[in-house]
Amino acid sequence: MTKKQARKANTRRPQGRIKPHEGSELALMLKGTKPLARFAIEHKTGDTLAEIETAFRPHVERGTFLRFQFKGEEFDRLYYCLPTEEWRVKLLELIDTALEAGVHEFSIYDLHRIDGTLLGYSKKDIEYFIANWRRHHEDA
């Protein structure tokens, strides 16, 4: 393959994906390739995430996953993680507490990288998300 052909082939390959796990959290966690899933339950809409709870419940009852729920002012955060990965939940909640208190030195890009890493996204997908976010939020 010539250099020109290689460059052309590279332009056809996606550089990353945004939300590559969305809708596949359970399957990825059962395979052991995703350590943590997070869902938001908005108070004003009355969302219950009953479908998600129903899908994950048997795995929580068997001990395949751990479940955590934290109350917030506008929405609750619901987490499922693999055993021994609960540190990821604790770290995300610690960061949220620091953000709410205004006591942190994180840039928005740091926060996106931390979030993506803890949720099990690839570095390629995280950097693609950040590049896309920058294009849409150039003044941030």
N, C-alpha and C. Protein backbone atom coordinates (compact mmCIF):
# COMPACT_ATOMS: atom_id res chain seq x y z
N MET A 1 0.85 -1.18 0.00
CA MET A 1 0.00 0.00 0.00
C MET A 1 0.89 1.24 0.00
N THR A 2 0.58 2.15 -0.89
CA THR A 2 1.35 3.39 -0.95
C THR A 2 0.95 4.32 0.18
N LYS A 3 1.76 5.35 0.41
CA LYS A 3 1.42 6.34 1.45
C LYS A 3 0.09 7.02 1.14
N LYS A 4 -0.13 7.31 -0.13
CA LYS A 4 -1.38 7.96 -0.54
C LYS A 4 -2.58 7.05 -0.24
N GLN A 5 -2.47 5.77 -0.53
CA GLN A 5 -3.54 4.83 -0.25
C GLN A 5 -3.77 4.71 1.26
N ALA A 6 -2.70 4.70 2.03
CA ALA A 6 -2.82 4.60 3.49
C ALA A 6 -3.54 5.82 4.06
N ARG A 7 -3.17 7.02 3.56
CA ARG A 7 -3.86 8.24 4.03
C ARG A 7 -5.34 8.19 3.70
N LYS A 8 -5.65 7.74 2.49
CA LYS A 8 -7.05 7.65 2.06
C LYS A 8 -7.82 6.65 2.93
N ALA A 9 -7.19 5.51 3.22
CA ALA A 9 -7.82 4.49 4.07
C ALA A 9 -8.06 5.04 5.47
N ASN A 10 -7.11 5.82 5.99
CA ASN A 10 -7.25 6.40 7.33
C ASN A 10 -8.40 7.39 7.40
N THR A 11 -8.69 8.09 6.31
CA THR A 11 -9.78 9.07 6.34
C THR A 11 -11.13 8.37 6.36
N ARG A 12 -11.18 7.13 5.93
CA ARG A 12 -12.45 6.39 5.94
C ARG A 12 -12.75 5.82 7.31
N ARG A 13 -11.74 5.57 8.10
CA ARG A 13 -11.95 5.02 9.43
C ARG A 13 -12.43 6.09 10.38
N PRO A 14 -13.41 5.78 11.21
CA PRO A 14 -13.84 6.79 12.17
C PRO A 14 -12.73 7.10 13.17
N GLN A 15 -12.62 8.36 13.55
CA GLN A 15 -11.58 8.79 14.47
C GLN A 15 -11.97 8.51 15.92
N GLY A 16 -13.18 8.17 16.16
CA GLY A 16 -13.70 7.91 17.49
C GLY A 16 -15.21 8.01 17.41
N ARG A 17 -15.85 7.71 18.53
CA ARG A 17 -17.31 7.79 18.55
C ARG A 17 -17.75 8.50 19.82
N ILE A 18 -18.87 9.19 19.72
CA ILE A 18 -19.46 9.84 20.88
C ILE A 18 -20.52 8.89 21.43
N LYS A 19 -20.47 8.69 22.74
CA LYS A 19 -21.38 7.78 23.44
C LYS A 19 -21.36 6.38 22.85
N PRO A 20 -20.18 5.78 22.68
CA PRO A 20 -20.12 4.46 22.06
C PRO A 20 -20.77 3.35 22.88
N HIS A 21 -20.99 3.58 24.18
CA HIS A 21 -21.57 2.55 25.04
C HIS A 21 -23.08 2.70 25.20
N GLU A 22 -23.64 3.82 24.77
CA GLU A 22 -25.05 4.10 25.03
C GLU A 22 -25.94 3.00 24.47
N GLY A 23 -26.77 2.46 25.34
CA GLY A 23 -27.68 1.38 24.97
C GLY A 23 -27.04 0.00 25.04
N SER A 24 -25.74 -0.05 25.26
CA SER A 24 -25.02 -1.33 25.32
C SER A 24 -24.37 -1.56 26.68
N GLU A 25 -24.70 -0.74 27.65
CA GLU A 25 -24.03 -0.81 28.96
C GLU A 25 -24.11 -2.20 29.57
N LEU A 26 -25.30 -2.78 29.60
CA LEU A 26 -25.48 -4.08 30.23
C LEU A 26 -24.64 -5.15 29.55
N ALA A 27 -24.71 -5.23 28.23
CA ALA A 27 -23.95 -6.24 27.50
C ALA A 27 -22.45 -6.06 27.71
N LEU A 28 -21.97 -4.83 27.67
CA LEU A 28 -20.54 -4.58 27.86
C LEU A 28 -20.09 -4.92 29.28
N MET A 29 -20.95 -4.62 30.25
CA MET A 29 -20.60 -4.96 31.63
C MET A 29 -20.60 -6.46 31.85
N LEU A 30 -21.55 -7.17 31.24
CA LEU A 30 -21.58 -8.62 31.38
C LEU A 30 -20.35 -9.27 30.74
N LYS A 31 -19.82 -8.65 29.69
CA LYS A 31 -18.58 -9.15 29.07
C LYS A 31 -17.35 -8.79 29.89
N GLY A 32 -17.52 -7.83 30.82
CA GLY A 32 -16.39 -7.37 31.63
C GLY A 32 -15.56 -6.30 30.96
N THR A 33 -16.06 -5.73 29.85
CA THR A 33 -15.30 -4.71 29.14
C THR A 33 -15.67 -3.30 29.55
N LYS A 34 -16.74 -3.15 30.31
CA LYS A 34 -17.15 -1.84 30.84
C LYS A 34 -17.26 -1.98 32.35
N PRO A 35 -16.48 -1.20 33.11
CA PRO A 35 -16.46 -1.36 34.56
C PRO A 35 -17.59 -0.64 35.29
N LEU A 36 -18.20 0.36 34.63
CA LEU A 36 -19.14 1.23 35.32
C LEU A 36 -20.15 1.81 34.34
N ALA A 37 -21.40 1.85 34.76
CA ALA A 37 -22.46 2.53 33.98
C ALA A 37 -23.12 3.55 34.90
N ARG A 38 -23.45 4.70 34.32
CA ARG A 38 -24.10 5.77 35.10
C ARG A 38 -25.34 6.23 34.35
N PHE A 39 -26.41 6.45 35.10
CA PHE A 39 -27.66 6.94 34.54
C PHE A 39 -28.16 8.09 35.39
N ALA A 40 -28.84 9.03 34.77
CA ALA A 40 -29.41 10.18 35.50
C ALA A 40 -30.92 10.05 35.50
N ILE A 41 -31.50 10.31 36.66
CA ILE A 41 -32.95 10.30 36.81
C ILE A 41 -33.37 11.73 37.12
N GLU A 42 -33.95 12.42 36.14
CA GLU A 42 -34.37 13.80 36.34
C GLU A 42 -35.63 13.86 37.19
N HIS A 43 -35.64 14.73 38.19
CA HIS A 43 -36.80 14.85 39.08
C HIS A 43 -37.99 15.45 38.36
N LYS A 44 -37.77 16.50 37.57
CA LYS A 44 -38.90 17.21 36.97
C LYS A 44 -39.64 16.40 35.90
N THR A 45 -38.97 15.44 35.30
CA THR A 45 -39.63 14.64 34.27
C THR A 45 -40.27 13.39 34.84
N GLY A 46 -39.90 13.04 36.06
CA GLY A 46 -40.46 11.85 36.68
C GLY A 46 -39.91 10.56 36.09
N ASP A 47 -38.77 10.64 35.40
CA ASP A 47 -38.15 9.43 34.85
C ASP A 47 -37.86 8.45 35.98
N THR A 48 -38.09 7.19 35.72
CA THR A 48 -37.79 6.18 36.74
C THR A 48 -36.72 5.21 36.29
N LEU A 49 -36.44 5.18 35.01
CA LEU A 49 -35.47 4.23 34.46
C LEU A 49 -35.86 2.79 34.78
N ALA A 50 -37.18 2.53 34.82
CA ALA A 50 -37.68 1.20 35.18
C ALA A 50 -37.11 0.11 34.28
N GLU A 51 -36.97 0.40 33.00
CA GLU A 51 -36.44 -0.60 32.07
C GLU A 51 -35.00 -0.96 32.42
N ILE A 52 -34.22 0.05 32.74
CA ILE A 52 -32.82 -0.20 33.12
C ILE A 52 -32.75 -0.96 34.43
N GLU A 53 -33.54 -0.52 35.40
CA GLU A 53 -33.56 -1.20 36.70
C GLU A 53 -33.95 -2.67 36.54
N THR A 54 -34.95 -2.93 35.71
CA THR A 54 -35.40 -4.30 35.49
C THR A 54 -34.31 -5.14 34.86
N ALA A 55 -33.58 -4.58 33.91
CA ALA A 55 -32.50 -5.31 33.24
C ALA A 55 -31.32 -5.59 34.17
N PHE A 56 -30.98 -4.64 35.01
CA PHE A 56 -29.80 -4.78 35.87
C PHE A 56 -30.08 -5.53 37.17
N ARG A 57 -31.33 -5.49 37.67
CA ARG A 57 -31.67 -6.04 38.98
C ARG A 57 -31.20 -7.49 39.19
N PRO A 58 -31.47 -8.42 38.25
CA PRO A 58 -31.03 -9.80 38.50
C PRO A 58 -29.51 -9.92 38.68
N HIS A 59 -28.77 -9.09 38.01
CA HIS A 59 -27.32 -9.14 38.10
C HIS A 59 -26.83 -8.56 39.43
N VAL A 60 -27.56 -7.56 39.94
CA VAL A 60 -27.25 -7.01 41.26
C VAL A 60 -27.57 -8.07 42.32
N GLU A 61 -28.73 -8.72 42.18
CA GLU A 61 -29.12 -9.74 43.15
C GLU A 61 -28.16 -10.92 43.19
N ARG A 62 -27.57 -11.27 42.05
CA ARG A 62 -26.59 -12.36 42.00
C ARG A 62 -25.19 -11.92 42.43
N GLY A 63 -24.98 -10.61 42.57
CA GLY A 63 -23.67 -10.10 42.96
C GLY A 63 -22.74 -9.85 41.78
N THR A 64 -23.27 -9.93 40.56
CA THR A 64 -22.46 -9.67 39.37
C THR A 64 -22.12 -8.19 39.28
N PHE A 65 -23.07 -7.34 39.71
CA PHE A 65 -22.89 -5.89 39.72
C PHE A 65 -23.24 -5.36 41.10
N LEU A 66 -22.69 -4.19 41.39
CA LEU A 66 -23.07 -3.43 42.58
C LEU A 66 -23.89 -2.23 42.11
N ARG A 67 -24.81 -1.77 42.94
CA ARG A 67 -25.70 -0.65 42.59
C ARG A 67 -25.55 0.46 43.63
N PHE A 68 -25.46 1.69 43.15
CA PHE A 68 -25.38 2.86 44.02
C PHE A 68 -26.31 3.93 43.47
N GLN A 69 -26.98 4.65 44.35
CA GLN A 69 -27.82 5.76 43.92
C GLN A 69 -27.57 6.94 44.85
N PHE A 70 -27.39 8.11 44.24
CA PHE A 70 -27.14 9.33 44.99
C PHE A 70 -28.18 10.36 44.60
N LYS A 71 -28.73 11.02 45.61
CA LYS A 71 -29.76 12.04 45.39
C LYS A 71 -29.09 13.37 45.05
N GLY A 72 -29.68 14.06 44.11
CA GLY A 72 -29.23 15.39 43.75
C GLY A 72 -30.39 16.35 43.75
N GLU A 73 -30.11 17.64 43.60
CA GLU A 73 -31.17 18.63 43.60
C GLU A 73 -32.07 18.53 42.38
N GLU A 74 -31.47 18.36 41.19
CA GLU A 74 -32.24 18.30 39.96
C GLU A 74 -32.42 16.88 39.44
N PHE A 75 -31.48 16.00 39.77
CA PHE A 75 -31.57 14.61 39.31
C PHE A 75 -30.78 13.71 40.24
N ASP A 76 -31.13 12.44 40.22
CA ASP A 76 -30.39 11.44 40.98
C ASP A 76 -29.42 10.75 40.04
N ARG A 77 -28.32 10.28 40.59
CA ARG A 77 -27.34 9.55 39.81
C ARG A 77 -27.38 8.08 40.21
N LEU A 78 -27.57 7.23 39.23
CA LEU A 78 -27.67 5.79 39.45
C LEU A 78 -26.46 5.13 38.79
N TYR A 79 -25.73 4.35 39.57
CA TYR A 79 -24.52 3.69 39.08
C TYR A 79 -24.65 2.18 39.24
N TYR A 80 -24.10 1.47 38.26
CA TYR A 80 -23.88 0.03 38.38
C TYR A 80 -22.41 -0.19 38.06
N CYS A 81 -21.75 -1.01 38.86
CA CYS A 81 -20.34 -1.29 38.59
C CYS A 81 -20.04 -2.75 38.85
N LEU A 82 -18.94 -3.18 38.28
CA LEU A 82 -18.44 -4.52 38.55
C LEU A 82 -17.87 -4.55 39.97
N PRO A 83 -17.94 -5.69 40.64
CA PRO A 83 -17.32 -5.79 41.97
C PRO A 83 -15.85 -5.39 41.88
N THR A 84 -15.38 -4.73 42.87
CA THR A 84 -14.03 -4.14 43.02
C THR A 84 -13.86 -2.86 42.22
N GLU A 85 -14.88 -2.42 41.49
CA GLU A 85 -14.79 -1.18 40.72
C GLU A 85 -15.58 -0.05 41.38
N GLU A 86 -16.05 -0.27 42.60
CA GLU A 86 -16.84 0.77 43.28
C GLU A 86 -16.03 2.03 43.56
N TRP A 87 -14.71 1.92 43.55
CA TRP A 87 -13.85 3.09 43.71
C TRP A 87 -14.14 4.13 42.64
N ARG A 88 -14.57 3.69 41.47
CA ARG A 88 -14.90 4.62 40.38
C ARG A 88 -16.10 5.47 40.76
N VAL A 89 -17.10 4.85 41.37
CA VAL A 89 -18.29 5.58 41.83
C VAL A 89 -17.88 6.59 42.89
N LYS A 90 -17.10 6.14 43.85
CA LYS A 90 -16.67 7.02 44.94
C LYS A 90 -15.87 8.21 44.41
N LEU A 91 -15.00 7.97 43.44
CA LEU A 91 -14.21 9.06 42.87
C LEU A 91 -15.09 10.05 42.11
N LEU A 92 -16.04 9.56 41.32
CA LEU A 92 -16.95 10.47 40.61
C LEU A 92 -17.77 11.30 41.58
N GLU A 93 -18.23 10.69 42.66
CA GLU A 93 -19.00 11.43 43.66
C GLU A 93 -18.13 12.44 44.40
N LEU A 94 -16.88 12.09 44.68
CA LEU A 94 -15.94 13.02 45.31
C LEU A 94 -15.71 14.23 44.41
N ILE A 95 -15.54 13.99 43.13
CA ILE A 95 -15.34 15.08 42.18
C ILE A 95 -16.59 15.95 42.11
N ASP A 96 -17.78 15.33 42.07
CA ASP A 96 -19.02 16.10 42.06
C ASP A 96 -19.13 17.00 43.29
N THR A 97 -18.74 16.48 44.45
CA THR A 97 -18.78 17.26 45.69
C THR A 97 -17.83 18.46 45.58
N ALA A 98 -16.64 18.23 45.05
CA ALA A 98 -15.68 19.33 44.88
C ALA A 98 -16.21 20.36 43.89
N LEU A 99 -16.84 19.91 42.83
CA LEU A 99 -17.41 20.84 41.84
C LEU A 99 -18.51 21.69 42.45
N GLU A 100 -19.39 21.04 43.21
CA GLU A 100 -20.49 21.77 43.85
C GLU A 100 -19.97 22.81 44.84
N ALA A 101 -18.88 22.48 45.51
CA ALA A 101 -18.29 23.39 46.50
C ALA A 101 -17.39 24.44 45.85
N GLY A 102 -17.09 24.26 44.57
CA GLY A 102 -16.22 25.19 43.87
C GLY A 102 -14.76 25.06 44.28
N VAL A 103 -14.39 23.89 44.79
CA VAL A 103 -13.04 23.65 45.28
C VAL A 103 -12.36 22.62 44.38
N HIS A 104 -11.81 23.11 43.26
CA HIS A 104 -11.13 22.20 42.35
C HIS A 104 -10.28 22.99 41.37
N GLU A 105 -9.37 22.32 40.73
CA GLU A 105 -8.49 22.92 39.73
C GLU A 105 -8.66 22.23 38.38
N PHE A 106 -9.78 21.54 38.17
CA PHE A 106 -10.00 20.82 36.93
C PHE A 106 -10.48 21.73 35.82
N SER A 107 -9.94 21.52 34.62
CA SER A 107 -10.51 22.18 33.44
C SER A 107 -11.67 21.32 32.96
N ILE A 108 -12.48 21.86 32.09
CA ILE A 108 -13.58 21.07 31.53
C ILE A 108 -13.02 19.86 30.79
N TYR A 109 -11.85 20.01 30.18
CA TYR A 109 -11.24 18.89 29.46
C TYR A 109 -10.75 17.81 30.42
N ASP A 110 -10.21 18.24 31.56
CA ASP A 110 -9.83 17.27 32.60
C ASP A 110 -11.05 16.47 33.02
N LEU A 111 -12.14 17.17 33.25
CA LEU A 111 -13.37 16.51 33.72
C LEU A 111 -13.91 15.53 32.69
N HIS A 112 -13.88 15.90 31.42
CA HIS A 112 -14.33 14.97 30.37
C HIS A 112 -13.43 13.73 30.33
N ARG A 113 -12.13 13.93 30.48
CA ARG A 113 -11.19 12.80 30.44
C ARG A 113 -11.39 11.88 31.66
N ILE A 114 -11.56 12.46 32.82
CA ILE A 114 -11.79 11.66 34.03
C ILE A 114 -13.08 10.87 33.89
N ASP A 115 -14.14 11.55 33.50
CA ASP A 115 -15.45 10.93 33.35
C ASP A 115 -15.38 9.77 32.36
N GLY A 116 -14.84 10.04 31.19
CA GLY A 116 -14.75 9.00 30.16
C GLY A 116 -13.91 7.82 30.59
N THR A 117 -12.80 8.10 31.23
CA THR A 117 -11.91 7.02 31.69
C THR A 117 -12.61 6.15 32.73
N LEU A 118 -13.25 6.79 33.70
CA LEU A 118 -13.91 6.02 34.76
C LEU A 118 -15.08 5.21 34.23
N LEU A 119 -15.72 5.70 33.16
CA LEU A 119 -16.84 4.96 32.57
C LEU A 119 -16.38 3.88 31.58
N GLY A 120 -15.07 3.82 31.36
CA GLY A 120 -14.53 2.74 30.54
C GLY A 120 -14.42 3.03 29.06
N TYR A 121 -14.49 4.29 28.67
CA TYR A 121 -14.34 4.64 27.25
C TYR A 121 -12.88 4.56 26.85
N SER A 122 -12.64 4.33 25.57
CA SER A 122 -11.27 4.30 25.07
C SER A 122 -10.72 5.72 25.00
N LYS A 123 -9.41 5.84 25.06
CA LYS A 123 -8.77 7.15 24.94
C LYS A 123 -9.14 7.80 23.61
N LYS A 124 -9.19 7.01 22.56
CA LYS A 124 -9.56 7.50 21.23
C LYS A 124 -10.96 8.13 21.25
N ASP A 125 -11.92 7.45 21.87
CA ASP A 125 -13.28 7.98 21.94
C ASP A 125 -13.35 9.22 22.84
N ILE A 126 -12.59 9.23 23.91
CA ILE A 126 -12.57 10.39 24.81
C ILE A 126 -12.02 11.61 24.08
N GLU A 127 -10.90 11.44 23.41
CA GLU A 127 -10.30 12.58 22.70
C GLU A 127 -11.18 13.04 21.54
N TYR A 128 -11.85 12.13 20.89
CA TYR A 128 -12.80 12.49 19.82
C TYR A 128 -13.94 13.32 20.41
N PHE A 129 -14.47 12.89 21.55
CA PHE A 129 -15.54 13.62 22.22
C PHE A 129 -15.08 15.03 22.56
N ILE A 130 -13.87 15.15 23.13
CA ILE A 130 -13.34 16.46 23.53
C ILE A 130 -13.16 17.36 22.31
N ALA A 131 -12.62 16.84 21.23
CA ALA A 131 -12.44 17.64 20.00
C ALA A 131 -13.79 18.12 19.49
N ASN A 132 -14.79 17.24 19.52
CA ASN A 132 -16.14 17.62 19.09
C ASN A 132 -16.74 18.66 20.04
N TRP A 133 -16.53 18.48 21.32
CA TRP A 133 -17.05 19.42 22.32
C TRP A 133 -16.43 20.80 22.10
N ARG A 134 -15.13 20.82 21.86
CA ARG A 134 -14.42 22.09 21.63
C ARG A 134 -15.01 22.83 20.43
N ARG A 135 -15.31 22.11 19.35
CA ARG A 135 -15.87 22.74 18.15
C ARG A 135 -17.20 23.41 18.45
N HIS A 136 -17.97 22.84 19.37
CA HIS A 136 -19.29 23.38 19.69
C HIS A 136 -19.30 24.35 20.86
N HIS A 137 -18.17 24.45 21.56
CA HIS A 137 -18.07 25.33 22.75
C HIS A 137 -16.75 26.10 22.70
N GLU A 138 -16.48 26.73 21.62
CA GLU A 138 -15.18 27.40 21.42
C GLU A 138 -14.90 28.50 22.44
N ASP A 139 -15.92 29.08 23.02
CA ASP A 139 -15.70 30.16 23.98
C ASP A 139 -15.52 29.66 25.40
N ALA A 140 -15.60 28.36 25.62
CA ALA A 140 -15.48 27.81 26.99
C ALA A 140 -14.03 27.68 27.41
